[in-house]
N, C-alpha and C. Protein backbone atom coordinates (compact mmCIF):
# COMPACT_ATOMS: atom_id res chain seq x y z
N UNK A 1 1.23 -19.06 31.49
CA UNK A 1 1.56 -18.37 30.76
C UNK A 1 1.45 -18.94 29.08
N UNK A 2 1.84 -20.25 29.20
CA UNK A 2 1.48 -21.21 27.61
C UNK A 2 0.47 -20.79 27.31
N UNK A 3 -0.93 -20.71 27.97
CA UNK A 3 -2.25 -20.39 27.38
C UNK A 3 -2.11 -19.26 26.64
N UNK A 4 -1.40 -17.61 26.77
CA UNK A 4 -1.30 -17.24 26.16
C UNK A 4 -0.39 -17.17 24.55
N UNK A 5 0.09 -18.08 25.28
CA UNK A 5 1.39 -18.58 23.47
C UNK A 5 0.23 -19.33 23.03
N UNK A 6 -0.13 -20.13 23.18
CA UNK A 6 -1.44 -21.42 22.72
C UNK A 6 -2.38 -20.36 21.85
N UNK A 7 -2.91 -19.10 22.39
CA UNK A 7 -3.97 -18.55 21.83
C UNK A 7 -3.57 -17.68 20.68
N UNK A 8 -1.81 -16.88 21.29
CA UNK A 8 -1.51 -16.00 19.75
C UNK A 8 -1.02 -17.43 18.74
N UNK A 9 -0.54 -18.38 18.77
CA UNK A 9 -0.58 -19.32 18.01
C UNK A 9 -1.84 -19.00 16.40
N UNK A 10 -3.02 -19.64 17.62
CA UNK A 10 -3.90 -19.73 17.01
C UNK A 10 -4.81 -18.52 16.36
N UNK A 11 -4.68 -17.64 17.06
CA UNK A 11 -4.55 -16.11 16.41
C UNK A 11 -3.69 -15.79 15.11
N UNK A 12 -2.83 -15.71 15.01
CA UNK A 12 -1.70 -15.44 14.25
C UNK A 12 -1.85 -16.34 13.08
N UNK A 13 -2.32 -17.83 13.53
CA UNK A 13 -2.14 -18.59 12.48
C UNK A 13 -3.70 -18.44 11.45
N UNK A 14 -4.46 -17.91 12.19
CA UNK A 14 -6.08 -18.23 11.28
C UNK A 14 -6.08 -16.69 10.72
N UNK A 15 -5.63 -15.39 11.43
CA UNK A 15 -6.12 -13.95 11.44
C UNK A 15 -5.01 -13.36 10.40
N UNK A 16 -3.61 -14.15 10.55
CA UNK A 16 -2.36 -13.32 9.92
C UNK A 16 -1.66 -12.33 11.37
N UNK A 17 -0.92 -11.68 10.88
CA UNK A 17 0.18 -10.66 11.72
C UNK A 17 -0.81 -9.32 12.10
N UNK A 18 -1.40 -8.71 11.23
CA UNK A 18 -2.36 -7.41 10.97
C UNK A 18 -3.47 -7.41 11.61
N UNK A 19 -4.23 -8.74 11.96
CA UNK A 19 -4.92 -8.80 12.32
C UNK A 19 -5.00 -9.55 13.88
N UNK A 20 -4.00 -10.08 14.00
CA UNK A 20 -3.73 -10.59 15.12
C UNK A 20 -3.58 -9.27 16.76
N UNK A 21 -4.80 -9.11 16.96
CA UNK A 21 -4.66 -8.00 18.13
C UNK A 21 -4.05 -7.91 19.59
N UNK A 22 -3.82 -7.45 20.20
CA UNK A 22 -3.86 -8.02 21.51
C UNK A 22 -5.40 -8.94 22.04
N UNK A 23 -6.73 -7.49 22.00
CA UNK A 23 -7.51 -7.95 22.47
C UNK A 23 -8.26 -9.50 21.63
N UNK A 24 -7.81 -9.56 20.65
CA UNK A 24 -8.19 -10.78 19.89
C UNK A 24 -7.74 -12.16 20.64
N UNK A 25 -6.15 -11.92 21.06
CA UNK A 25 -5.20 -12.73 21.67
C UNK A 25 -5.80 -13.05 22.96
N UNK A 26 -6.35 -12.17 23.76
CA UNK A 26 -6.82 -12.32 25.00
C UNK A 26 -8.32 -13.02 24.78
N UNK A 27 -8.47 -12.58 23.97
CA UNK A 27 -10.13 -13.25 23.76
C UNK A 27 -10.11 -14.44 23.59
N UNK A 28 -9.37 -15.08 22.57
CA UNK A 28 -8.94 -16.20 22.19
C UNK A 28 -8.43 -17.44 23.75
N UNK A 29 -7.55 -16.50 24.23
CA UNK A 29 -7.35 -17.38 25.88
C UNK A 29 -7.93 -17.28 26.73
N UNK A 30 -9.31 -16.30 26.37
CA UNK A 30 -10.35 -15.95 27.59
C UNK A 30 -9.75 -15.69 28.80
N UNK A 31 -8.64 -14.66 28.98
CA UNK A 31 -8.45 -13.41 29.46
C UNK A 31 -9.08 -12.49 29.71
N UNK A 32 -8.41 -11.28 30.61
CA UNK A 32 -8.72 -9.77 30.36
C UNK A 32 -7.57 -9.60 29.83
N UNK A 33 -7.68 -8.38 29.03
CA UNK A 33 -6.76 -7.52 28.45
C UNK A 33 -5.64 -6.98 29.63
N UNK A 34 -6.17 -7.05 30.26
CA UNK A 34 -5.19 -6.87 31.54
C UNK A 34 -4.23 -7.96 31.78
N UNK A 35 -5.02 -8.46 32.14
CA UNK A 35 -3.56 -10.23 32.40
C UNK A 35 -3.03 -10.46 31.23
N UNK A 36 -3.21 -10.37 29.71
CA UNK A 36 -2.72 -10.35 28.98
C UNK A 36 -0.76 -9.20 29.16
N UNK A 37 -1.41 -8.36 29.59
CA UNK A 37 -0.56 -6.99 29.41
C UNK A 37 0.40 -7.06 30.87
N UNK A 38 -0.25 -7.65 31.54
CA UNK A 38 0.59 -8.35 33.12
C UNK A 38 2.06 -9.16 32.82
N UNK A 39 1.68 -10.18 31.53
CA UNK A 39 2.63 -11.22 31.03
C UNK A 39 3.51 -10.61 29.70
N UNK A 40 3.21 -9.83 29.13
CA UNK A 40 3.37 -9.37 27.87
C UNK A 40 3.24 -7.55 27.79
N UNK A 41 4.28 -7.27 27.22
CA UNK A 41 3.93 -5.62 27.32
C UNK A 41 3.58 -5.24 25.55
N UNK A 42 3.58 -6.11 24.69
CA UNK A 42 2.70 -5.79 23.34
C UNK A 42 2.34 -7.14 22.33
N UNK A 43 1.70 -6.92 21.57
CA UNK A 43 1.49 -8.29 20.95
C UNK A 43 2.87 -8.55 19.98
N UNK A 44 4.01 -7.81 19.37
CA UNK A 44 4.81 -7.95 19.17
C UNK A 44 5.83 -9.06 20.41
N UNK A 45 5.86 -8.85 21.36
CA UNK A 45 6.22 -9.52 22.35
C UNK A 45 5.82 -11.28 22.47
N UNK A 46 4.68 -11.07 22.23
CA UNK A 46 3.60 -12.47 22.39
C UNK A 46 4.30 -12.94 21.39
N UNK A 47 4.39 -12.22 19.67
CA UNK A 47 5.05 -13.13 19.07
C UNK A 47 6.41 -13.63 18.51
N UNK A 48 7.18 -12.80 19.85
CA UNK A 48 8.53 -13.21 20.09
C UNK A 48 8.41 -14.65 20.51
N UNK A 49 7.97 -14.65 21.82
CA UNK A 49 7.48 -15.61 22.31
C UNK A 49 7.10 -16.71 21.59
N UNK A 50 6.58 -16.60 20.88
CA UNK A 50 5.61 -17.90 20.12
C UNK A 50 7.08 -18.32 18.88
N UNK A 51 7.58 -17.03 18.84
CA UNK A 51 8.53 -17.82 17.62
C UNK A 51 10.08 -18.66 18.25
N UNK A 52 10.33 -18.06 19.86
CA UNK A 52 11.51 -18.67 20.34
C UNK A 52 10.73 -20.07 20.57
N UNK A 53 9.62 -20.33 21.12
CA UNK A 53 8.74 -21.46 21.35
C UNK A 53 8.81 -22.60 20.32
N UNK A 54 8.65 -21.70 18.80
CA UNK A 54 9.10 -22.55 17.61
C UNK A 54 10.45 -23.10 17.55
N UNK A 55 11.11 -22.18 17.69
CA UNK A 55 12.26 -22.57 17.49
C UNK A 55 13.47 -23.48 18.82
N UNK A 56 12.49 -22.96 20.01
CA UNK A 56 12.68 -24.60 20.75
C UNK A 56 12.28 -25.55 20.24
N UNK A 57 11.52 -25.87 20.22
CA UNK A 57 10.56 -27.07 19.14
C UNK A 57 11.38 -27.52 18.04
N UNK A 58 12.07 -27.39 17.31
CA UNK A 58 12.93 -27.16 16.41
C UNK A 58 14.13 -27.94 16.85
N UNK A 59 14.88 -27.20 17.60
CA UNK A 59 15.65 -27.78 18.26
C UNK A 59 15.88 -29.16 18.80
N UNK A 60 14.38 -29.26 19.43
CA UNK A 60 14.10 -30.41 20.20
C UNK A 60 14.32 -31.57 19.25
N UNK A 61 13.76 -31.21 18.05
CA UNK A 61 13.51 -32.42 17.13
C UNK A 61 14.97 -32.89 16.66
N UNK A 62 15.72 -31.85 16.31
CA UNK A 62 17.22 -32.54 16.29
C UNK A 62 17.96 -33.27 17.74
N UNK A 63 18.08 -32.44 18.57
CA UNK A 63 18.42 -33.13 19.50
C UNK A 63 17.63 -34.40 19.77
N UNK A 64 16.53 -34.66 19.57
CA UNK A 64 16.06 -36.21 19.36
C UNK A 64 16.67 -36.99 18.45
N UNK A 65 17.40 -36.97 17.79
CA UNK A 65 18.59 -37.72 16.75
C UNK A 65 19.64 -37.78 17.02
N UNK A 66 20.00 -36.88 18.05
CA UNK A 66 21.24 -36.59 18.04
C UNK A 66 22.43 -37.88 18.29
N UNK A 67 21.95 -39.11 18.95
CA UNK A 67 22.49 -39.78 19.24
C UNK A 67 23.08 -40.85 17.89
N UNK A 68 21.90 -40.60 16.86
CA UNK A 68 21.95 -41.49 15.86
C UNK A 68 23.36 -40.92 14.94
N UNK A 69 23.36 -39.27 14.94
CA UNK A 69 24.50 -38.83 14.21
C UNK A 69 25.66 -39.19 14.29
N UNK A 70 26.17 -39.87 16.19
CA UNK A 70 27.18 -40.61 16.55
C UNK A 70 27.04 -41.69 15.95
N UNK A 71 25.90 -42.55 16.22
CA UNK A 71 26.21 -43.88 16.03
C UNK A 71 25.53 -44.72 14.83
N UNK A 72 24.93 -44.41 14.30
CA UNK A 72 24.05 -45.10 13.46
C UNK A 72 24.51 -44.59 12.02
N UNK A 73 23.79 -44.81 10.78
CA UNK A 73 24.26 -44.61 9.43
C UNK A 73 23.87 -43.06 9.42
N UNK A 74 25.19 -42.38 8.96
CA UNK A 74 25.15 -41.21 8.71
C UNK A 74 23.72 -40.42 8.02
N UNK A 75 23.84 -41.43 6.71
CA UNK A 75 21.88 -40.99 5.92
C UNK A 75 21.10 -41.18 6.89
N UNK A 76 20.68 -42.15 7.46
CA UNK A 76 19.33 -42.72 8.39
C UNK A 76 19.46 -40.95 9.07
N UNK A 77 20.52 -41.04 9.93
CA UNK A 77 20.49 -39.67 10.76
C UNK A 77 19.73 -38.38 10.34
N UNK A 78 20.58 -38.34 9.31
CA UNK A 78 20.00 -36.57 8.42
C UNK A 78 18.62 -37.12 8.21
N UNK A 79 18.56 -38.06 7.27
CA UNK A 79 17.17 -38.58 7.09
C UNK A 79 15.63 -38.24 8.22
N UNK A 80 16.02 -38.88 9.08
CA UNK A 80 15.32 -38.62 10.48
C UNK A 80 15.46 -37.29 10.88
N UNK A 81 16.42 -36.58 11.27
CA UNK A 81 16.29 -35.23 11.31
C UNK A 81 15.53 -34.52 10.92
N UNK A 82 15.78 -34.30 8.80
CA UNK A 82 15.12 -33.46 8.49
C UNK A 82 13.52 -33.85 8.54
N UNK A 83 13.20 -35.02 8.54
CA UNK A 83 11.72 -35.18 8.79
C UNK A 83 11.16 -34.81 9.95
N UNK A 84 11.99 -35.45 11.10
CA UNK A 84 11.18 -34.50 12.22
C UNK A 84 11.08 -32.91 12.21
N UNK A 85 11.83 -32.24 11.50
CA UNK A 85 11.91 -30.66 11.60
C UNK A 85 11.07 -30.41 10.34
N UNK A 86 10.46 -31.33 9.48
CA UNK A 86 9.47 -30.78 8.20
C UNK A 86 7.92 -31.82 9.21
N UNK A 87 8.11 -32.40 10.25
CA UNK A 87 6.79 -32.85 11.22
C UNK A 87 6.24 -31.51 12.05
N UNK A 88 7.69 -30.86 12.70
CA UNK A 88 7.25 -29.81 13.64
C UNK A 88 6.66 -28.87 12.68
N UNK A 89 7.14 -28.48 11.56
CA UNK A 89 6.15 -27.32 10.98
C UNK A 89 5.57 -27.60 10.28
N UNK A 90 4.85 -28.60 9.80
CA UNK A 90 3.84 -29.18 9.75
C UNK A 90 2.55 -29.27 10.57
N UNK A 91 2.96 -29.56 11.83
CA UNK A 91 2.03 -29.39 12.96
C UNK A 91 1.71 -28.17 13.18
N UNK A 92 2.05 -27.24 12.85
CA UNK A 92 1.50 -25.93 12.82
C UNK A 92 2.05 -24.66 11.81
N UNK A 93 1.93 -25.34 10.89
CA UNK A 93 1.59 -25.00 9.23
C UNK A 93 1.57 -23.81 9.07
N UNK A 94 0.08 -23.42 9.52
CA UNK A 94 -0.21 -22.10 9.40
C UNK A 94 0.34 -20.84 10.33
N UNK A 95 0.87 -21.64 11.22
CA UNK A 95 1.56 -20.39 12.08
C UNK A 95 2.97 -19.97 11.41
N UNK A 96 3.64 -21.17 10.95
CA UNK A 96 5.10 -21.08 10.16
C UNK A 96 4.33 -19.98 8.81
N UNK A 97 3.49 -20.52 8.21
CA UNK A 97 3.49 -19.26 7.13
C UNK A 97 3.16 -18.11 7.45
N UNK A 98 2.43 -17.89 8.25
CA UNK A 98 2.18 -16.22 8.70
C UNK A 98 3.48 -16.11 9.03
N UNK A 99 4.02 -16.55 10.11
CA UNK A 99 5.18 -15.85 10.56
C UNK A 99 6.28 -15.44 9.75
N UNK A 100 6.72 -16.67 8.83
CA UNK A 100 7.53 -16.67 7.79
C UNK A 100 7.33 -15.47 6.86
N UNK A 101 6.03 -15.15 6.18
CA UNK A 101 5.35 -14.29 5.35
C UNK A 101 5.24 -13.02 6.02
N UNK A 102 4.79 -12.87 6.82
CA UNK A 102 4.80 -11.46 7.71
C UNK A 102 4.76 -11.10 8.73
N UNK A 103 5.75 -11.57 9.39
CA UNK A 103 6.39 -11.09 10.59
C UNK A 103 7.85 -12.01 11.04
N UNK A 104 8.46 -12.28 9.74
CA UNK A 104 9.61 -12.83 10.39
C UNK A 104 10.55 -12.05 11.06
N UNK A 105 10.37 -10.76 11.01
CA UNK A 105 11.43 -10.01 11.82
C UNK A 105 11.07 -10.31 13.05
N UNK A 106 10.47 -10.87 13.83
CA UNK A 106 10.08 -10.82 15.10
C UNK A 106 10.86 -12.47 15.48
N UNK A 107 11.18 -12.10 16.26
CA UNK A 107 11.87 -13.41 17.30
C UNK A 107 13.45 -13.32 17.50
N UNK A 108 14.06 -11.79 17.73
CA UNK A 108 14.83 -11.45 17.96
C UNK A 108 16.11 -12.34 17.41
N UNK A 109 17.05 -12.30 16.28
CA UNK A 109 18.06 -13.18 15.72
C UNK A 109 18.63 -13.80 16.46
N UNK A 110 19.52 -12.63 17.23
CA UNK A 110 20.65 -13.66 18.22
C UNK A 110 19.76 -14.49 18.94
N UNK A 111 18.73 -14.84 19.58
CA UNK A 111 18.16 -15.74 20.38
C UNK A 111 18.46 -16.86 19.36
N UNK A 112 17.74 -16.63 18.19
CA UNK A 112 18.13 -17.87 17.18
C UNK A 112 18.83 -18.53 16.64
N UNK A 113 20.09 -17.39 16.56
CA UNK A 113 21.59 -18.37 16.42
C UNK A 113 21.49 -18.93 17.49
N UNK A 114 21.28 -17.95 18.96
CA UNK A 114 21.89 -18.86 19.45
C UNK A 114 21.45 -20.32 20.12
N UNK A 115 20.33 -20.48 19.44
CA UNK A 115 19.30 -22.08 19.66
C UNK A 115 19.94 -23.05 18.52
N UNK A 116 20.37 -21.97 17.04
CA UNK A 116 21.06 -22.96 15.78
C UNK A 116 22.70 -22.99 16.13
N UNK A 117 23.05 -22.43 17.20
CA UNK A 117 24.32 -22.70 17.12
C UNK A 117 24.58 -24.14 18.21
N UNK A 118 23.36 -24.44 18.75
CA UNK A 118 23.42 -25.53 19.79
C UNK A 118 22.94 -26.84 18.49
N UNK A 119 22.58 -26.61 17.67
CA UNK A 119 22.59 -27.85 16.44
C UNK A 119 23.74 -27.90 16.08
N UNK A 120 24.48 -26.54 15.10
CA UNK A 120 25.51 -26.76 14.62
C UNK A 120 26.69 -27.56 15.39
N UNK A 121 26.86 -27.36 17.17
CA UNK A 121 28.04 -27.75 18.14
C UNK A 121 27.59 -29.11 18.02
N UNK A 122 26.59 -29.91 17.78
CA UNK A 122 26.02 -31.55 17.72
C UNK A 122 26.35 -31.78 16.46
N UNK A 123 26.10 -31.34 15.49
CA UNK A 123 26.15 -31.62 14.47
C UNK A 123 28.45 -31.63 13.66
N UNK A 124 28.46 -30.64 14.26
CA UNK A 124 30.46 -30.20 14.37
C UNK A 124 30.79 -31.40 14.59
N UNK A 125 30.28 -32.23 15.65
CA UNK A 125 31.23 -33.05 16.88
C UNK A 125 30.73 -34.49 16.39
N UNK A 126 29.83 -34.71 15.98
CA UNK A 126 29.46 -35.52 14.84
C UNK A 126 30.16 -35.62 13.31
N UNK A 127 30.24 -34.84 12.51
CA UNK A 127 30.94 -34.49 11.63
C UNK A 127 32.69 -35.22 11.44
N UNK A 128 32.89 -34.01 12.92
CA UNK A 128 34.35 -34.51 13.18
C UNK A 128 34.77 -36.04 13.70
N UNK A 129 33.71 -36.53 14.84
CA UNK A 129 33.91 -38.02 14.68
C UNK A 129 33.91 -38.90 13.58
N UNK A 130 33.06 -38.30 12.36
CA UNK A 130 32.63 -39.80 11.39
C UNK A 130 33.76 -38.96 10.17
N UNK A 131 34.90 -38.03 10.34
CA UNK A 131 35.61 -38.15 9.43
C UNK A 131 35.60 -38.66 8.43
N UNK A 132 35.94 -40.20 9.04
CA UNK A 132 36.48 -40.90 8.07
C UNK A 132 35.65 -41.37 7.14
N UNK A 133 34.35 -41.40 7.36
CA UNK A 133 33.23 -41.71 6.12
C UNK A 133 33.06 -40.39 5.26
N UNK A 134 33.89 -39.49 5.34
CA UNK A 134 32.84 -38.13 4.38
C UNK A 134 33.99 -37.68 3.85
N UNK A 135 34.33 -36.93 2.68
CA UNK A 135 35.15 -36.08 2.02
C UNK A 135 35.62 -35.38 2.61
N UNK A 136 36.69 -35.27 2.74
CA UNK A 136 37.42 -34.19 3.12
C UNK A 136 36.95 -32.70 3.50
N UNK A 137 36.78 -32.23 4.85
CA UNK A 137 35.86 -30.90 4.97
C UNK A 137 36.85 -29.94 5.34
N UNK A 138 37.33 -28.75 4.58
CA UNK A 138 38.05 -27.78 4.97
C UNK A 138 38.06 -27.48 6.55
N UNK A 139 36.62 -26.88 6.68
CA UNK A 139 36.09 -26.36 7.94
C UNK A 139 34.93 -26.87 8.28
N UNK A 140 34.87 -27.94 9.33
CA UNK A 140 33.75 -28.88 9.60
C UNK A 140 32.72 -27.59 10.16
N UNK A 141 33.05 -26.71 11.21
CA UNK A 141 32.58 -26.10 11.99
C UNK A 141 31.34 -24.97 10.51
N UNK A 142 32.11 -24.70 9.59
CA UNK A 142 31.15 -23.79 8.34
C UNK A 142 30.08 -24.91 7.89
N UNK A 143 31.07 -26.03 7.50
CA UNK A 143 29.68 -27.16 6.69
C UNK A 143 28.85 -27.70 7.88
N UNK A 144 29.00 -27.41 8.76
CA UNK A 144 27.63 -27.98 9.88
C UNK A 144 26.64 -26.74 10.37
N UNK A 145 27.25 -25.83 9.81
CA UNK A 145 26.50 -24.52 10.18
C UNK A 145 26.15 -23.95 9.00
N UNK A 146 26.36 -24.35 7.78
CA UNK A 146 25.49 -24.39 6.60
C UNK A 146 24.42 -25.27 6.27
N UNK A 147 24.82 -26.74 7.02
CA UNK A 147 23.89 -27.71 6.72
C UNK A 147 22.42 -27.28 7.45
N UNK A 148 23.06 -26.96 8.79
CA UNK A 148 21.55 -26.43 9.77
C UNK A 148 20.86 -25.66 9.42
N UNK A 149 21.53 -24.38 8.51
CA UNK A 149 20.76 -23.19 8.52
C UNK A 149 20.33 -23.39 6.72
N UNK A 150 20.50 -23.84 5.86
CA UNK A 150 20.10 -24.31 5.19
C UNK A 150 18.67 -25.04 5.07
N UNK A 151 18.78 -26.11 5.95
CA UNK A 151 17.85 -27.24 6.25
C UNK A 151 16.43 -26.21 7.10
N UNK A 152 16.95 -25.72 8.10
CA UNK A 152 15.80 -24.61 8.49
C UNK A 152 15.06 -23.70 7.96
N UNK A 153 15.98 -23.11 6.68
CA UNK A 153 15.41 -22.20 6.25
C UNK A 153 14.46 -22.96 4.74
N UNK A 154 15.19 -24.04 4.40
CA UNK A 154 13.89 -24.84 3.19
C UNK A 154 12.96 -25.33 4.01
N UNK A 155 13.10 -25.99 5.57
CA UNK A 155 11.84 -26.30 6.38
C UNK A 155 10.51 -24.96 6.24
N UNK A 156 11.17 -24.11 6.43
CA UNK A 156 10.63 -22.60 6.88
C UNK A 156 9.69 -22.47 5.23
N UNK A 157 10.39 -22.12 4.87
CA UNK A 157 9.97 -21.84 3.05
C UNK A 157 9.08 -22.69 2.68
N UNK A 158 9.16 -24.31 3.21
CA UNK A 158 8.37 -25.07 2.77
C UNK A 158 6.75 -24.70 3.11
N UNK A 159 6.70 -24.41 4.34
CA UNK A 159 5.37 -24.02 5.07
C UNK A 159 4.84 -22.99 4.43
N UNK A 160 5.76 -21.85 3.40
CA UNK A 160 4.74 -20.91 3.13
C UNK A 160 4.56 -21.31 1.60
N UNK A 161 5.17 -22.37 0.57
CA UNK A 161 5.40 -22.20 -0.61
C UNK A 161 5.10 -23.82 -0.49
N UNK A 162 4.82 -24.44 -0.15
CA UNK A 162 4.75 -26.02 -0.59
C UNK A 162 4.10 -26.90 0.77
N UNK A 163 2.70 -26.11 0.95
CA UNK A 163 1.70 -27.21 2.13
C UNK A 163 1.62 -28.05 1.42
N UNK A 164 1.24 -28.83 0.51
CA UNK A 164 0.74 -29.57 -0.09
C UNK A 164 1.83 -30.82 0.30
N UNK A 165 3.27 -30.47 -0.48
CA UNK A 165 4.10 -31.23 -0.41
C UNK A 165 4.73 -31.40 1.39
N UNK A 166 4.65 -30.46 1.69
CA UNK A 166 5.17 -30.75 3.33
C UNK A 166 4.00 -31.63 3.73
N UNK A 167 2.81 -31.67 3.47
CA UNK A 167 1.98 -32.30 4.46
C UNK A 167 1.66 -34.01 3.76
N UNK A 168 2.05 -34.25 2.49
CA UNK A 168 1.99 -35.30 2.31
C UNK A 168 3.37 -36.34 2.39
N UNK A 169 4.36 -35.40 2.70
CA UNK A 169 6.00 -35.81 3.10
C UNK A 169 6.87 -36.24 2.19
N UNK A 170 6.23 -35.32 0.66
CA UNK A 170 7.31 -34.90 -0.61
C UNK A 170 8.30 -34.41 -0.07
N UNK A 171 8.10 -32.99 0.78
CA UNK A 171 8.97 -32.06 0.86
C UNK A 171 10.58 -32.91 1.84
N UNK A 172 10.14 -33.63 2.56
CA UNK A 172 11.07 -34.29 3.45
C UNK A 172 11.86 -35.28 2.38
N UNK A 173 11.04 -35.96 1.80
CA UNK A 173 11.28 -37.21 0.20
C UNK A 173 12.80 -36.14 0.04
N UNK A 174 12.30 -34.87 -0.68
CA UNK A 174 13.20 -34.64 -1.74
C UNK A 174 14.19 -34.08 -0.96
N UNK A 175 14.01 -33.58 0.16
CA UNK A 175 15.09 -32.91 1.21
C UNK A 175 16.44 -33.88 1.34
N UNK A 176 15.66 -35.08 1.39
CA UNK A 176 16.98 -35.94 1.80
C UNK A 176 17.26 -37.26 0.96
């Protein structure tokens, strides 16, 4: 099934949401349209699966630096996470641009929020553990939620509006 998601990423990034038909996706995957429909009932279902995979990659990028949030300098951990998120986006910048500009309604918001909650939980625990290093936070969960969602929104907007800055590293540098 991954090969269908790979093909969807390629077609969506290259041709855009409107032109990304199931026929074009099946052709890019090297399968019949019947095979595609065996796994996915529609183009929208394919794109939602691609979006969920994008979100999983973002969560993995955050998770790869989880230990640093608890053990290393907090500033370094935040910088590493932002750079990792930007790197995930840059690796598929065409896909991010097309999704964010043309099909951001796809991806089942509830699923995305539950994935974000995992990153928010980690950051909440880290902020609670490191409370002595921070200014007093009246609501640590709110602070973590705001940081995670703002970082994701800025990185995704960067794909649409700041391609050169994202690719050069300037976006990550300015965010941190």
